[in-house]
C-alpha atoms as a PDB file:
ATOM      1  CA  MET A   1       8.013   9.723   5.333  1.00  0.00           C
ATOM      2  CA  ASN A   2      10.445   6.887   5.590  1.00  0.00           C
ATOM      3  CA  LYS A   3      10.633   4.935   2.307  1.00  0.00           C
ATOM      4  CA  GLN A   4      11.339   1.781   4.343  1.00  0.00           C
ATOM      5  CA  ALA A   5       8.309   2.226   6.588  1.00  0.00           C
ATOM      6  CA  SER A   6       5.823  -0.606   6.791  1.00  0.00           C
ATOM      7  CA  PHE A   7       2.411  -0.273   5.195  1.00  0.00           C
ATOM      8  CA  GLU A   8       0.787  -0.004   8.622  1.00  0.00           C
ATOM      9  CA  THR A   9       3.173   2.744   9.734  1.00  0.00           C
ATOM     10  CA  SER A  10       2.666   4.661   6.499  1.00  0.00           C
ATOM     11  CA  LEU A  11      -1.106   4.332   6.724  1.00  0.00           C
ATOM     12  CA  GLN A  12      -1.071   5.581  10.311  1.00  0.00           C
ATOM     13  CA  GLU A  13       1.047   8.559   9.234  1.00  0.00           C
ATOM     14  CA  LEU A  14      -1.397   9.282   6.415  1.00  0.00           C
ATOM     15  CA  GLU A  15      -4.351   9.164   8.821  1.00  0.00           C
ATOM     16  CA  GLN A  16      -2.605  11.638  11.132  1.00  0.00           C
ATOM     17  CA  LEU A  17      -1.905  14.004   8.243  1.00  0.00           C
ATOM     18  CA  VAL A  18      -5.537  13.872   7.124  1.00  0.00           C
ATOM     19  CA  GLU A  19      -6.714  14.533  10.673  1.00  0.00           C
ATOM     20  CA  LYS A  20      -4.495  17.625  10.922  1.00  0.00           C
ATOM     21  CA  LEU A  21      -5.716  18.921   7.582  1.00  0.00           C
ATOM     22  CA  GLU A  22      -9.374  18.297   8.423  1.00  0.00           C
ATOM     23  CA  GLN A  23      -9.097  20.411  11.564  1.00  0.00           C
ATOM     24  CA  GLY A  24      -8.629  23.445   9.323  1.00  0.00           C
ATOM     25  CA  GLN A  25      -6.476  25.318  11.827  1.00  0.00           C
ATOM     26  CA  LEU A  26      -3.225  25.369   9.827  1.00  0.00           C
ATOM     27  CA  PRO A  27      -1.854  28.228   7.751  1.00  0.00           C
ATOM     28  CA  LEU A  28      -2.080  27.708   3.994  1.00  0.00           C
ATOM     29  CA  ASP A  29       1.654  27.065   3.542  1.00  0.00           C
ATOM     30  CA  GLU A  30       1.684  24.363   6.204  1.00  0.00           C
ATOM     31  CA  SER A  31      -1.505  22.822   4.812  1.00  0.00           C
ATOM     32  CA  LEU A  32       0.062  22.593   1.363  1.00  0.00           C
ATOM     33  CA  LYS A  33       3.197  21.023   2.821  1.00  0.00           C
ATOM     34  CA  LEU A  34       1.142  18.428   4.719  1.00  0.00           C
ATOM     35  CA  TYR A  35      -0.989  17.752   1.628  1.00  0.00           C
ATOM     36  CA  GLU A  36       2.134  17.105  -0.446  1.00  0.00           C
ATOM     37  CA  GLN A  37       3.514  14.830   2.278  1.00  0.00           C
ATOM     38  CA  GLY A  38       0.183  13.015   2.388  1.00  0.00           C
ATOM     39  CA  MET A  39       0.172  12.442  -1.361  1.00  0.00           C
ATOM     40  CA  GLU A  40       3.691  11.021  -1.180  1.00  0.00           C
ATOM     41  CA  THR A  41       2.687   8.760   1.699  1.00  0.00           C
ATOM     42  CA  ALA A  42      -0.436   7.636  -0.181  1.00  0.00           C
ATOM     43  CA  ARG A  43       1.695   6.747  -3.228  1.00  0.00           C
ATOM     44  CA  HIS A  44       4.025   4.758  -0.982  1.00  0.00           C
ATOM     45  CA  CYS A  45       1.044   2.864   0.486  1.00  0.00           C
ATOM     46  CA  GLN A  46      -0.317   2.159  -2.998  1.00  0.00           C
ATOM     47  CA  GLN A  47       3.057   0.833  -4.153  1.00  0.00           C
ATOM     48  CA  GLN A  48       3.180  -1.523  -1.183  1.00  0.00           C
ATOM     49  CA  LEU A  49      -0.370  -2.726  -1.911  1.00  0.00           C
ATOM     50  CA  ASP A  50       0.525  -3.265  -5.573  1.00  0.00           C
ATOM     51  CA  GLN A  51       3.575  -5.315  -4.589  1.00  0.00           C
ATOM     52  CA  ALA A  52       1.519  -7.405  -2.185  1.00  0.00           C
ATOM     53  CA  ARG A  53      -1.101  -8.024  -4.885  1.00  0.00           C
ATOM     54  CA  LEU A  54       1.602  -9.236  -7.285  1.00  0.00           C
ATOM     55  CA  VAL A  55       2.937 -11.643  -4.674  1.00  0.00           C
ATOM     56  CA  LEU A  56      -0.553 -13.003  -4.017  1.00  0.00           C
ATOM     57  CA  GLU A  57      -1.226 -13.405  -7.741  1.00  0.00           C
ATOM     58  CA  LYS A  58       2.060 -15.266  -8.183  1.00  0.00           C
ATOM     59  CA  LEU A  59       1.292 -17.536  -5.243  1.00  0.00           C
ATOM     60  CA  GLY A  60      -2.184 -18.190  -6.634  1.00  0.00           C
ATOM     61  CA  GLN A  61      -0.745 -19.133 -10.009  1.00  0.00           C
ATOM     62  CA  GLN A  62       1.778 -21.464  -8.402  1.00  0.00           C
ATOM     63  CA  ALA A  63      -0.952 -23.142  -6.369  1.00  0.00           C
ATOM     64  CA  ALA A  64      -2.981 -23.742  -9.541  1.00  0.00           C
ATOM     65  CA  LEU A  65      -0.113 -25.450 -11.369  1.00  0.00           C
ATOM     66  CA  PRO A  66      -0.088 -29.260 -11.361  1.00  0.00           C
ATOM     67  CA  THR A  67       2.770 -30.662  -9.325  1.00  0.00           C
ATOM     68  CA  SER A  68       2.948 -34.106 -10.944  1.00  0.00           C
ATOM     69  CA  PRO A  69       1.661 -35.885 -14.060  1.00  0.00           C
ATOM     70  CA  ALA A  70      -1.015 -37.559 -11.941  1.00  0.00           C
ATOM     71  CA  ASP A  71      -2.404 -34.128 -11.053  1.00  0.00           C
ATOM     72  CA  GLU A  72      -2.909 -33.368 -14.744  1.00  0.00           C
ATOM     73  CA  LYS A  73      -5.399 -36.232 -15.192  1.00  0.00           C
ATOM     74  CA  SER A  74      -9.010 -35.192 -14.854  1.00  0.00           C
ATOM     75  CA  ASP A  75     -10.509 -38.719 -15.037  1.00  0.00           C
END
């Protein structure tokens, strides 16, 4: 897995790994290798989702902040 891969690319790679494993035609050693690769790819996807969530939370907080003293009045 490429650490610089986009979320979509990583997710597609993860789906392909799962598909190979679900077929059940691989030797145990290769299955374990693909499982380990899949776990690493899943962690990478989760990290990207966590980063995106933080960005969205920050943007949401900025949008909620008043931009001028007139915005602070609730009259």
